[in-house]
Protein backbone atom coordinates (compact mmCIF):
# COMPACT_ATOMS: atom_id res chain seq x y z
CA UNK A 1 0.00 0.00 0.00
CA UNK A 2 1.39 3.39 -0.99
CA UNK A 3 1.17 6.35 1.35
CA UNK A 4 -0.06 9.23 -0.82
CA UNK A 5 1.23 11.80 1.71
CA UNK A 6 4.79 10.58 1.24
CA UNK A 7 4.64 10.84 -2.55
CA UNK A 8 3.38 14.41 -2.80
CA UNK A 9 6.19 16.09 -0.87
CA UNK A 10 8.16 18.80 -2.62
CA UNK A 11 11.63 20.08 -1.78
CA UNK A 12 11.57 23.79 -0.98
CA UNK A 13 14.91 24.37 0.76
CA UNK A 14 18.27 22.71 1.35
CA UNK A 15 21.14 23.84 3.54
CA UNK A 16 24.25 22.51 5.24
CA UNK A 17 23.37 24.53 8.36
CA UNK A 18 21.00 22.62 10.62
CA UNK A 19 19.65 25.58 12.58
CA UNK A 20 18.56 27.34 9.36
CA UNK A 21 16.45 24.33 8.42
CA UNK A 22 14.92 24.31 11.90
CA UNK A 23 14.22 28.07 11.77
CA UNK A 24 12.53 27.72 8.40
CA UNK A 25 10.52 24.79 9.68
CA UNK A 26 9.19 26.98 12.48
CA UNK A 27 8.34 29.83 10.10
CA UNK A 28 6.47 27.48 7.77
CA UNK A 29 4.60 25.82 10.64
CA UNK A 30 3.64 29.29 11.94
CA UNK A 31 2.00 29.73 8.51
CA UNK A 32 0.04 26.46 8.85
CA UNK A 33 2.27 24.48 6.49
CA UNK A 34 3.24 20.93 7.43
CA UNK A 35 7.00 20.47 7.16
CA UNK A 36 9.19 17.40 6.76
CA UNK A 37 12.93 17.64 7.36
CA UNK A 38 15.34 15.03 6.03
CA UNK A 39 18.89 15.25 7.30
CA UNK A 40 21.11 13.83 4.59
CA UNK A 41 24.35 14.94 6.21
CA UNK A 42 27.04 12.40 6.88
CA UNK A 43 27.21 12.03 10.66
CA UNK A 44 31.01 11.84 10.78
CA UNK A 45 32.11 14.46 8.27
CA UNK A 46 29.10 16.80 8.15
CA UNK A 47 28.84 17.05 4.38
CA UNK A 48 25.53 16.90 2.57
CA UNK A 49 22.33 18.84 3.02
CA UNK A 50 19.42 19.07 5.38
CA UNK A 51 16.36 19.18 3.13
CA UNK A 52 13.02 20.82 3.90
CA UNK A 53 9.93 19.38 2.21
CA UNK A 54 6.28 20.46 2.18
CA UNK A 55 3.12 18.87 0.78
CA UNK A 56 2.57 19.80 -2.85
CA UNK A 57 -0.67 21.66 -2.10
CA UNK A 58 1.36 24.16 -0.02
CA UNK A 59 4.24 24.45 -2.49
CA UNK A 60 3.58 27.93 -3.88
CA UNK A 61 2.98 29.50 -0.47
CA UNK A 62 6.05 27.74 0.93
CA UNK A 63 8.23 28.96 -1.96
CA UNK A 64 7.25 32.56 -1.25
CA UNK A 65 8.03 32.15 2.43
CA UNK A 66 11.35 30.42 1.64
CA UNK A 67 12.36 33.22 -0.71
CA UNK A 68 11.72 35.82 1.97
CA UNK A 69 13.50 33.64 4.55
CA UNK A 70 16.58 33.34 2.32
CA UNK A 71 16.67 37.10 1.73
CA UNK A 72 16.60 37.72 5.48
CA UNK A 73 19.16 35.07 6.50
CA UNK A 74 22.12 35.72 4.20
CA UNK A 75 25.23 34.22 5.77
CA UNK A 76 28.53 35.41 4.38
PDB file of N, CA and C in Angstrom:
ATOM      1  N   UNK A   1       0.849  -1.186   0.000  1.00  0.00           N
ATOM      2  CA  UNK A   1       0.000   0.000   0.000  1.00  0.00           C
ATOM      3  C   UNK A   1       0.884   1.235   0.000  1.00  0.00           C
ATOM      4  N   UNK A   2       0.605   2.178  -0.873  1.00  0.00           N
ATOM      5  CA  UNK A   2       1.394   3.390  -0.992  1.00  0.00           C
ATOM      6  C   UNK A   2       0.782   4.497  -0.158  1.00  0.00           C
ATOM      7  N   UNK A   3       1.614   5.206   0.565  1.00  0.00           N
ATOM      8  CA  UNK A   3       1.169   6.349   1.345  1.00  0.00           C
ATOM      9  C   UNK A   3       1.183   7.574   0.448  1.00  0.00           C
ATOM     10  N   UNK A   4       0.015   8.102   0.109  1.00  0.00           N
ATOM     11  CA  UNK A   4      -0.058   9.235  -0.815  1.00  0.00           C
ATOM     12  C   UNK A   4       0.578  10.488  -0.230  1.00  0.00           C
ATOM     13  N   UNK A   5       0.597  10.638   1.098  1.00  0.00           N
ATOM     14  CA  UNK A   5       1.231  11.804   1.705  1.00  0.00           C
ATOM     15  C   UNK A   5       2.729  11.811   1.474  1.00  0.00           C
ATOM     16  N   UNK A   6       3.347  10.659   1.431  1.00  0.00           N
ATOM     17  CA  UNK A   6       4.791  10.583   1.239  1.00  0.00           C
ATOM     18  C   UNK A   6       5.172  10.895  -0.203  1.00  0.00           C
ATOM     19  N   UNK A   7       4.288  10.647  -1.144  1.00  0.00           N
ATOM     20  CA  UNK A   7       4.636  10.839  -2.547  1.00  0.00           C
ATOM     21  C   UNK A   7       4.380  12.239  -3.040  1.00  0.00           C
ATOM     22  N   UNK A   8       3.662  13.069  -2.311  1.00  0.00           N
ATOM     23  CA  UNK A   8       3.385  14.413  -2.800  1.00  0.00           C
ATOM     24  C   UNK A   8       4.179  15.487  -2.060  1.00  0.00           C
ATOM     25  N   UNK A   9       5.317  15.117  -1.536  1.00  0.00           N
ATOM     26  CA  UNK A   9       6.190  16.085  -0.872  1.00  0.00           C
ATOM     27  C   UNK A   9       7.110  16.731  -1.890  1.00  0.00           C
ATOM     28  N   UNK A  10       7.316  18.032  -1.702  1.00  0.00           N
ATOM     29  CA  UNK A  10       8.155  18.799  -2.619  1.00  0.00           C
ATOM     30  C   UNK A  10       9.278  19.474  -1.841  1.00  0.00           C
ATOM     31  N   UNK A  11      10.482  19.420  -2.390  1.00  0.00           N
ATOM     32  CA  UNK A  11      11.635  20.075  -1.776  1.00  0.00           C
ATOM     33  C   UNK A  11      11.521  21.580  -1.967  1.00  0.00           C
ATOM     34  N   UNK A  12      11.634  22.335  -0.875  1.00  0.00           N
ATOM     35  CA  UNK A  12      11.571  23.795  -0.977  1.00  0.00           C
ATOM     36  C   UNK A  12      12.850  24.472  -0.503  1.00  0.00           C
ATOM     37  N   UNK A  13      13.720  23.733   0.209  1.00  0.00           N
ATOM     38  CA  UNK A  13      14.910  24.374   0.756  1.00  0.00           C
ATOM     39  C   UNK A  13      15.926  23.302   1.128  1.00  0.00           C
ATOM     40  N   UNK A  14      17.188  23.604   0.932  1.00  0.00           N
ATOM     41  CA  UNK A  14      18.267  22.714   1.347  1.00  0.00           C
ATOM     42  C   UNK A  14      19.417  23.559   1.862  1.00  0.00           C
ATOM     43  N   UNK A  15      20.043  23.106   2.926  1.00  0.00           N
ATOM     44  CA  UNK A  15      21.140  23.837   3.544  1.00  0.00           C
ATOM     45  C   UNK A  15      22.077  22.866   4.240  1.00  0.00           C
ATOM     46  N   UNK A  16      23.299  23.297   4.450  1.00  0.00           N
ATOM     47  CA  UNK A  16      24.246  22.513   5.239  1.00  0.00           C
ATOM     48  C   UNK A  16      24.196  22.919   6.708  1.00  0.00           C
ATOM     49  N   UNK A  17      23.423  23.968   7.012  1.00  0.00           N
ATOM     50  CA  UNK A  17      23.374  24.530   8.363  1.00  0.00           C
ATOM     51  C   UNK A  17      22.068  24.106   9.029  1.00  0.00           C
ATOM     52  N   UNK A  18      22.177  23.239  10.015  1.00  0.00           N
ATOM     53  CA  UNK A  18      20.999  22.623  10.622  1.00  0.00           C
ATOM     54  C   UNK A  18      20.035  23.634  11.228  1.00  0.00           C
ATOM     55  N   UNK A  19      20.561  24.649  11.913  1.00  0.00           N
ATOM     56  CA  UNK A  19      19.649  25.577  12.577  1.00  0.00           C
ATOM     57  C   UNK A  19      18.840  26.398  11.587  1.00  0.00           C
ATOM     58  N   UNK A  20      19.355  26.628  10.361  1.00  0.00           N
ATOM     59  CA  UNK A  20      18.562  27.338   9.360  1.00  0.00           C
ATOM     60  C   UNK A  20      17.361  26.505   8.925  1.00  0.00           C
ATOM     61  N   UNK A  21      17.569  25.211   8.769  1.00  0.00           N
ATOM     62  CA  UNK A  21      16.452  24.328   8.417  1.00  0.00           C
ATOM     63  C   UNK A  21      15.406  24.327   9.524  1.00  0.00           C
ATOM     64  N   UNK A  22      15.852  24.307  10.763  1.00  0.00           N
ATOM     65  CA  UNK A  22      14.916  24.312  11.897  1.00  0.00           C
ATOM     66  C   UNK A  22      14.174  25.646  12.006  1.00  0.00           C
ATOM     67  N   UNK A  23      14.879  26.754  11.755  1.00  0.00           N
ATOM     68  CA  UNK A  23      14.219  28.070  11.769  1.00  0.00           C
ATOM     69  C   UNK A  23      13.153  28.156  10.683  1.00  0.00           C
ATOM     70  N   UNK A  24      13.507  27.698   9.485  1.00  0.00           N
ATOM     71  CA  UNK A  24      12.534  27.725   8.396  1.00  0.00           C
ATOM     72  C   UNK A  24      11.347  26.827   8.709  1.00  0.00           C
ATOM     73  N   UNK A  25      11.605  25.688   9.283  1.00  0.00           N
ATOM     74  CA  UNK A  25      10.516  24.790   9.677  1.00  0.00           C
ATOM     75  C   UNK A  25       9.538  25.522  10.587  1.00  0.00           C
ATOM     76  N   UNK A  26      10.056  26.249  11.557  1.00  0.00           N
ATOM     77  CA  UNK A  26       9.187  26.977  12.484  1.00  0.00           C
ATOM     78  C   UNK A  26       8.388  28.055  11.764  1.00  0.00           C
ATOM     79  N   UNK A  27       9.033  28.779  10.858  1.00  0.00           N
ATOM     80  CA  UNK A  27       8.337  29.831  10.101  1.00  0.00           C
ATOM     81  C   UNK A  27       7.210  29.225   9.263  1.00  0.00           C
ATOM     82  N   UNK A  28       7.503  28.125   8.588  1.00  0.00           N
ATOM     83  CA  UNK A  28       6.474  27.480   7.768  1.00  0.00           C
ATOM     84  C   UNK A  28       5.330  26.950   8.628  1.00  0.00           C
ATOM     85  N   UNK A  29       5.657  26.328   9.746  1.00  0.00           N
ATOM     86  CA  UNK A  29       4.605  25.818  10.638  1.00  0.00           C
ATOM     87  C   UNK A  29       3.773  26.960  11.212  1.00  0.00           C
ATOM     88  N   UNK A  30       4.392  28.113  11.468  1.00  0.00           N
ATOM     89  CA  UNK A  30       3.644  29.288  11.935  1.00  0.00           C
ATOM     90  C   UNK A  30       2.651  29.765  10.876  1.00  0.00           C
ATOM     91  N   UNK A  31       2.893  29.387   9.617  1.00  0.00           N
ATOM     92  CA  UNK A  31       1.999  29.726   8.511  1.00  0.00           C
ATOM     93  C   UNK A  31       1.122  28.548   8.107  1.00  0.00           C
ATOM     94  N   UNK A  32       0.932  27.621   9.040  1.00  0.00           N
ATOM     95  CA  UNK A  32       0.044  26.458   8.851  1.00  0.00           C
ATOM     96  C   UNK A  32       0.445  25.561   7.687  1.00  0.00           C
ATOM     97  N   UNK A  33       1.751  25.373   7.519  1.00  0.00           N
ATOM     98  CA  UNK A  33       2.267  24.480   6.488  1.00  0.00           C
ATOM     99  C   UNK A  33       2.983  23.325   7.189  1.00  0.00           C
ATOM    100  N   UNK A  34       2.569  22.099   6.883  1.00  0.00           N
ATOM    101  CA  UNK A  34       3.244  20.931   7.434  1.00  0.00           C
ATOM    102  C   UNK A  34       4.614  20.799   6.789  1.00  0.00           C
ATOM    103  N   UNK A  35       5.612  20.508   7.613  1.00  0.00           N
ATOM    104  CA  UNK A  35       6.998  20.474   7.160  1.00  0.00           C
ATOM    105  C   UNK A  35       7.613  19.118   7.482  1.00  0.00           C
ATOM    106  N   UNK A  36       8.449  18.642   6.573  1.00  0.00           N
ATOM    107  CA  UNK A  36       9.190  17.402   6.762  1.00  0.00           C
ATOM    108  C   UNK A  36      10.659  17.701   6.521  1.00  0.00           C
ATOM    109  N   UNK A  37      11.498  17.401   7.490  1.00  0.00           N
ATOM    110  CA  UNK A  37      12.934  17.636   7.357  1.00  0.00           C
ATOM    111  C   UNK A  37      13.644  16.299   7.232  1.00  0.00           C
ATOM    112  N   UNK A  38      14.512  16.214   6.222  1.00  0.00           N
ATOM    113  CA  UNK A  38      15.342  15.031   6.033  1.00  0.00           C
ATOM    114  C   UNK A  38      16.797  15.461   6.132  1.00  0.00           C
ATOM    115  N   UNK A  39      17.487  14.923   7.116  1.00  0.00           N
ATOM    116  CA  UNK A  39      18.890  15.249   7.302  1.00  0.00           C
ATOM    117  C   UNK A  39      19.718  14.237   6.518  1.00  0.00           C
ATOM    118  N   UNK A  40      20.301  14.695   5.439  1.00  0.00           N
ATOM    119  CA  UNK A  40      21.105  13.826   4.586  1.00  0.00           C
ATOM    120  C   UNK A  40      22.603  14.046   4.810  1.00  0.00           C
ATOM    121  N   UNK A  41      22.938  14.723   5.908  1.00  0.00           N
ATOM    122  CA  UNK A  41      24.347  14.944   6.209  1.00  0.00           C
ATOM    123  C   UNK A  41      24.996  13.677   6.733  1.00  0.00           C
ATOM    124  N   UNK A  42      26.236  13.487   6.339  1.00  0.00           N
ATOM    125  CA  UNK A  42      27.042  12.400   6.880  1.00  0.00           C
ATOM    126  C   UNK A  42      27.314  12.713   8.344  1.00  0.00           C
ATOM    127  N   UNK A  43      27.085  11.766   9.224  1.00  0.00           N
ATOM    128  CA  UNK A  43      27.208  12.028  10.661  1.00  0.00           C
ATOM    129  C   UNK A  43      28.651  12.226  11.112  1.00  0.00           C
ATOM    130  N   UNK A  44      29.603  11.703  10.382  1.00  0.00           N
ATOM    131  CA  UNK A  44      31.006  11.842  10.785  1.00  0.00           C
ATOM    132  C   UNK A  44      31.661  13.088  10.219  1.00  0.00           C
ATOM    133  N   UNK A  45      31.384  13.391   8.959  1.00  0.00           N
ATOM    134  CA  UNK A  45      32.105  14.461   8.273  1.00  0.00           C
ATOM    135  C   UNK A  45      31.274  15.710   8.020  1.00  0.00           C
ATOM    136  N   UNK A  46      30.009  15.651   8.293  1.00  0.00           N
ATOM    137  CA  UNK A  46      29.101  16.799   8.149  1.00  0.00           C
ATOM    138  C   UNK A  46      29.067  17.390   6.743  1.00  0.00           C
ATOM    139  N   UNK A  47      29.085  16.554   5.721  1.00  0.00           N
ATOM    140  CA  UNK A  47      28.842  17.050   4.379  1.00  0.00           C
ATOM    141  C   UNK A  47      27.485  16.525   3.934  1.00  0.00           C
ATOM    142  N   UNK A  48      26.881  17.234   3.008  1.00  0.00           N
ATOM    143  CA  UNK A  48      25.525  16.903   2.573  1.00  0.00           C
ATOM    144  C   UNK A  48      24.563  17.958   3.076  1.00  0.00           C
ATOM    145  N   UNK A  49      23.331  17.822   2.691  1.00  0.00           N
ATOM    146  CA  UNK A  49      22.331  18.839   3.020  1.00  0.00           C
ATOM    147  C   UNK A  49      21.271  18.337   3.979  1.00  0.00           C
ATOM    148  N   UNK A  50      20.655  19.294   4.642  1.00  0.00           N
ATOM    149  CA  UNK A  50      19.421  19.068   5.379  1.00  0.00           C
ATOM    150  C   UNK A  50      18.335  19.628   4.473  1.00  0.00           C
ATOM    151  N   UNK A  51      17.369  18.793   4.101  1.00  0.00           N
ATOM    152  CA  UNK A  51      16.360  19.176   3.133  1.00  0.00           C
ATOM    153  C   UNK A  51      15.012  19.401   3.812  1.00  0.00           C
ATOM    154  N   UNK A  52      14.332  20.461   3.362  1.00  0.00           N
ATOM    155  CA  UNK A  52      13.020  20.816   3.901  1.00  0.00           C
ATOM    156  C   UNK A  52      11.980  20.566   2.812  1.00  0.00           C
ATOM    157  N   UNK A  53      10.998  19.748   3.141  1.00  0.00           N
ATOM    158  CA  UNK A  53       9.929  19.383   2.206  1.00  0.00           C
ATOM    159  C   UNK A  53       8.578  19.842   2.750  1.00  0.00           C
ATOM    160  N   UNK A  54       7.665  20.142   1.823  1.00  0.00           N
ATOM    161  CA  UNK A  54       6.283  20.455   2.175  1.00  0.00           C
ATOM    162  C   UNK A  54       5.367  19.641   1.275  1.00  0.00           C
ATOM    163  N   UNK A  55       4.110  19.531   1.648  1.00  0.00           N
ATOM    164  CA  UNK A  55       3.123  18.872   0.784  1.00  0.00           C
ATOM    165  C   UNK A  55       2.911  19.731  -0.459  1.00  0.00           C
ATOM    166  N   UNK A  56       2.669  19.086  -1.574  1.00  0.00           N
ATOM    167  CA  UNK A  56       2.565  19.802  -2.848  1.00  0.00           C
ATOM    168  C   UNK A  56       1.463  20.856  -2.859  1.00  0.00           C
ATOM    169  N   UNK A  57       0.403  20.651  -2.099  1.00  0.00           N
ATOM    170  CA  UNK A  57      -0.673  21.658  -2.096  1.00  0.00           C
ATOM    171  C   UNK A  57      -0.248  22.966  -1.432  1.00  0.00           C
ATOM    172  N   UNK A  58       0.846  22.946  -0.668  1.00  0.00           N
ATOM    173  CA  UNK A  58       1.362  24.160  -0.021  1.00  0.00           C
ATOM    174  C   UNK A  58       2.616  24.695  -0.701  1.00  0.00           C
ATOM    175  N   UNK A  59       2.966  24.138  -1.857  1.00  0.00           N
ATOM    176  CA  UNK A  59       4.243  24.452  -2.491  1.00  0.00           C
ATOM    177  C   UNK A  59       4.404  25.931  -2.821  1.00  0.00           C
ATOM    178  N   UNK A  60       3.441  26.530  -3.463  1.00  0.00           N
ATOM    179  CA  UNK A  60       3.577  27.932  -3.880  1.00  0.00           C
ATOM    180  C   UNK A  60       3.726  28.869  -2.680  1.00  0.00           C
ATOM    181  N   UNK A  61       2.889  28.683  -1.678  1.00  0.00           N
ATOM    182  CA  UNK A  61       2.978  29.501  -0.465  1.00  0.00           C
ATOM    183  C   UNK A  61       4.325  29.290   0.226  1.00  0.00           C
ATOM    184  N   UNK A  62       4.771  28.057   0.283  1.00  0.00           N
ATOM    185  CA  UNK A  62       6.055  27.739   0.929  1.00  0.00           C
ATOM    186  C   UNK A  62       7.218  28.360   0.164  1.00  0.00           C
ATOM    187  N   UNK A  63       7.162  28.350  -1.169  1.00  0.00           N
ATOM    188  CA  UNK A  63       8.233  28.956  -1.962  1.00  0.00           C
ATOM    189  C   UNK A  63       8.346  30.450  -1.686  1.00  0.00           C
ATOM    190  N   UNK A  64       7.229  31.128  -1.565  1.00  0.00           N
ATOM    191  CA  UNK A  64       7.254  32.563  -1.250  1.00  0.00           C
ATOM    192  C   UNK A  64       7.875  32.810   0.119  1.00  0.00           C
ATOM    193  N   UNK A  65       7.485  32.008   1.084  1.00  0.00           N
ATOM    194  CA  UNK A  65       8.034  32.146   2.434  1.00  0.00           C
ATOM    195  C   UNK A  65       9.524  31.830   2.439  1.00  0.00           C
ATOM    196  N   UNK A  66       9.936  30.791   1.718  1.00  0.00           N
ATOM    197  CA  UNK A  66      11.355  30.419   1.642  1.00  0.00           C
ATOM    198  C   UNK A  66      12.180  31.515   0.990  1.00  0.00           C
ATOM    199  N   UNK A  67      11.652  32.135  -0.036  1.00  0.00           N
ATOM    200  CA  UNK A  67      12.360  33.217  -0.713  1.00  0.00           C
ATOM    201  C   UNK A  67      12.606  34.380   0.246  1.00  0.00           C
ATOM    202  N   UNK A  68      11.575  34.750   0.986  1.00  0.00           N
ATOM    203  CA  UNK A  68      11.719  35.819   1.972  1.00  0.00           C
ATOM    204  C   UNK A  68      12.689  35.412   3.079  1.00  0.00           C
ATOM    205  N   UNK A  69      12.604  34.172   3.514  1.00  0.00           N
ATOM    206  CA  UNK A  69      13.496  33.642   4.546  1.00  0.00           C
ATOM    207  C   UNK A  69      14.952  33.723   4.080  1.00  0.00           C
ATOM    208  N   UNK A  70      15.223  33.302   2.852  1.00  0.00           N
ATOM    209  CA  UNK A  70      16.584  33.338   2.320  1.00  0.00           C
ATOM    210  C   UNK A  70      17.106  34.769   2.228  1.00  0.00           C
ATOM    211  N   UNK A  71      16.251  35.709   1.823  1.00  0.00           N
ATOM    212  CA  UNK A  71      16.667  37.104   1.733  1.00  0.00           C
ATOM    213  C   UNK A  71      17.015  37.694   3.095  1.00  0.00           C
ATOM    214  N   UNK A  72      16.386  37.180   4.139  1.00  0.00           N
ATOM    215  CA  UNK A  72      16.603  37.722   5.482  1.00  0.00           C
ATOM    216  C   UNK A  72      17.659  36.954   6.280  1.00  0.00           C
ATOM    217  N   UNK A  73      18.186  35.875   5.744  1.00  0.00           N
ATOM    218  CA  UNK A  73      19.160  35.066   6.502  1.00  0.00           C
ATOM    219  C   UNK A  73      20.446  34.852   5.713  1.00  0.00           C
ATOM    220  N   UNK A  74      20.875  35.835   4.965  1.00  0.00           N
ATOM    221  CA  UNK A  74      22.117  35.716   4.204  1.00  0.00           C
ATOM    222  C   UNK A  74      23.277  35.539   5.177  1.00  0.00           C
ATOM    223  N   UNK A  75      24.050  34.487   4.952  1.00  0.00           N
ATOM    224  CA  UNK A  75      25.229  34.222   5.771  1.00  0.00           C
ATOM    225  C   UNK A  75      26.445  34.322   4.866  1.00  0.00           C
ATOM    226  N   UNK A  76      27.346  35.203   5.210  1.00  0.00           N
ATOM    227  CA  UNK A  76      28.529  35.413   4.379  1.00  0.00           C
ATOM    228  C   UNK A  76      29.731  34.754   4.976  1.00  0.00           C
TER     229      UNK A  76
END
